[in-house]
Amino acid sequence: MSFRAFPNITIGDLWNRETAAILQWTRKGKLNCVKEVTLTANSATTTLTDELIGPDSAILLMPMHTDAAGALGGLYFSTPTAGSVTINHANTASTNKKFRFCVIG
């Protein structure tokens, strides 16, 4: 299987330069869709609100603390809606359940 590379982008006026820069960063994986969330302590749910979230979104998590890594075992998402999703997790007193998240789609 072979993959086609994107063609080089010709830089012209300011709009073309800005568009080219955005596409070049996107090709390098810089999608501008990474943010942070901390799971709510003493609660079994956390509402994640972001304008990028939609009904067909996939939300990827990266734990930023050992407590967050420990929370992954029973963590799951409710069905996303336009702008938000509920994260279901264990009800613990820990305030160190911090994640980076990425919204795709």
Protein backbone atom coordinates (compact mmCIF):
# COMPACT_ATOMS: atom_id res chain seq x y z
CA MET A 1 0.00 0.00 0.00
CA SER A 2 1.37 3.41 -0.87
CA PHE A 3 0.36 6.78 0.50
CA ARG A 4 0.15 9.97 -1.50
CA ALA A 5 1.98 12.91 0.01
CA PHE A 6 0.31 16.28 0.17
CA PRO A 7 1.56 18.63 -2.52
CA ASN A 8 3.80 21.52 -1.53
CA ILE A 9 1.85 24.67 -0.88
CA THR A 10 2.65 27.76 -2.92
CA ILE A 11 2.83 30.83 -0.75
CA GLY A 12 1.26 33.99 -2.15
CA ASP A 13 -0.69 36.67 -0.37
CA LEU A 14 -1.20 36.90 3.42
CA TRP A 15 -4.26 34.61 3.45
CA ASN A 16 -2.35 31.96 1.51
CA ARG A 17 0.59 32.22 3.93
CA GLU A 18 -1.68 31.84 6.97
CA THR A 19 -3.52 28.93 5.37
CA ALA A 20 -0.23 27.30 4.40
CA ALA A 21 1.10 27.67 7.96
CA ILE A 22 -2.05 26.09 9.42
CA LEU A 23 -1.86 23.17 7.01
CA GLN A 24 1.84 22.65 7.63
CA TRP A 25 1.30 22.57 11.42
CA THR A 26 -1.64 20.17 10.92
CA ARG A 27 0.58 17.85 8.90
CA LYS A 28 3.00 17.85 11.84
CA GLY A 29 0.22 16.81 14.22
CA LYS A 30 -0.42 20.23 15.76
CA LEU A 31 -4.21 20.14 15.57
CA ASN A 32 -5.06 22.74 18.25
CA CYS A 33 -7.53 20.37 19.89
CA VAL A 34 -5.71 19.51 23.15
CA LYS A 35 -6.87 20.90 26.49
CA GLU A 36 -6.91 19.78 30.14
CA VAL A 37 -9.60 18.47 32.47
CA THR A 38 -9.50 17.42 36.13
CA LEU A 39 -12.05 14.86 37.28
CA THR A 40 -14.35 16.23 39.97
CA ALA A 41 -13.37 15.07 43.45
CA ASN A 42 -16.08 13.43 45.62
CA SER A 43 -18.28 12.91 42.58
CA ALA A 44 -18.89 10.04 40.15
CA THR A 45 -19.25 12.31 37.10
CA THR A 46 -17.46 15.22 35.48
CA THR A 47 -19.01 17.27 32.70
CA LEU A 48 -16.52 18.08 29.97
CA THR A 49 -17.56 21.15 27.97
CA ASP A 50 -15.82 22.10 24.75
CA GLU A 51 -17.06 23.63 21.50
CA LEU A 52 -15.25 20.90 19.53
CA ILE A 53 -17.34 18.09 21.07
CA GLY A 54 -20.17 16.74 18.93
CA PRO A 55 -22.30 13.58 18.74
CA ASP A 56 -19.68 11.79 16.60
CA SER A 57 -16.58 12.94 18.50
CA ALA A 58 -13.86 10.70 19.87
CA ILE A 59 -12.23 12.00 23.05
CA LEU A 60 -8.75 10.76 23.88
CA LEU A 61 -7.31 11.04 27.39
CA MET A 62 -3.71 11.19 28.65
CA PRO A 63 -3.27 10.98 32.45
CA MET A 64 -1.01 13.68 33.91
CA HIS A 65 -0.69 12.19 37.42
CA THR A 66 -0.59 8.72 38.96
CA ASP A 67 -4.04 9.32 40.48
CA ALA A 68 -5.38 10.05 36.99
CA ALA A 69 -3.78 6.88 35.62
CA GLY A 70 -5.46 4.92 38.42
CA ALA A 71 -8.84 6.40 37.50
CA LEU A 72 -8.69 5.04 33.94
CA GLY A 73 -9.85 1.53 34.99
CA GLY A 74 -13.52 2.34 35.50
CA LEU A 75 -13.73 5.52 33.45
CA TYR A 76 -16.19 5.78 30.55
CA PHE A 77 -18.03 8.47 28.61
CA SER A 78 -21.75 8.98 28.16
CA THR A 79 -22.96 9.74 24.64
CA PRO A 80 -21.53 13.11 23.57
CA THR A 81 -23.85 15.94 22.61
CA ALA A 82 -23.14 19.25 20.90
CA GLY A 83 -20.60 20.95 23.17
CA SER A 84 -20.33 18.50 26.07
CA VAL A 85 -19.97 14.96 27.33
CA THR A 86 -20.23 13.39 30.78
CA ILE A 87 -17.23 11.45 32.08
CA ASN A 88 -18.27 8.68 34.48
CA HIS A 89 -15.59 7.68 37.01
CA ALA A 90 -15.01 6.39 40.53
CA ASN A 91 -16.08 8.69 43.35
CA THR A 92 -12.87 9.48 45.24
CA ALA A 93 -11.52 12.43 47.23
CA SER A 94 -8.41 12.78 45.04
CA THR A 95 -7.93 16.16 43.41
CA ASN A 96 -4.98 14.98 41.28
CA LYS A 97 -6.99 13.27 38.53
CA LYS A 98 -5.79 15.63 35.80
CA PHE A 99 -5.84 14.62 32.12
CA ARG A 100 -4.99 16.17 28.81
CA PHE A 101 -7.70 15.47 26.30
CA CYS A 102 -8.02 15.66 22.55
CA VAL A 103 -11.28 15.92 20.63
CA ILE A 104 -11.33 14.38 17.16
CA GLY A 105 -14.37 14.52 14.88
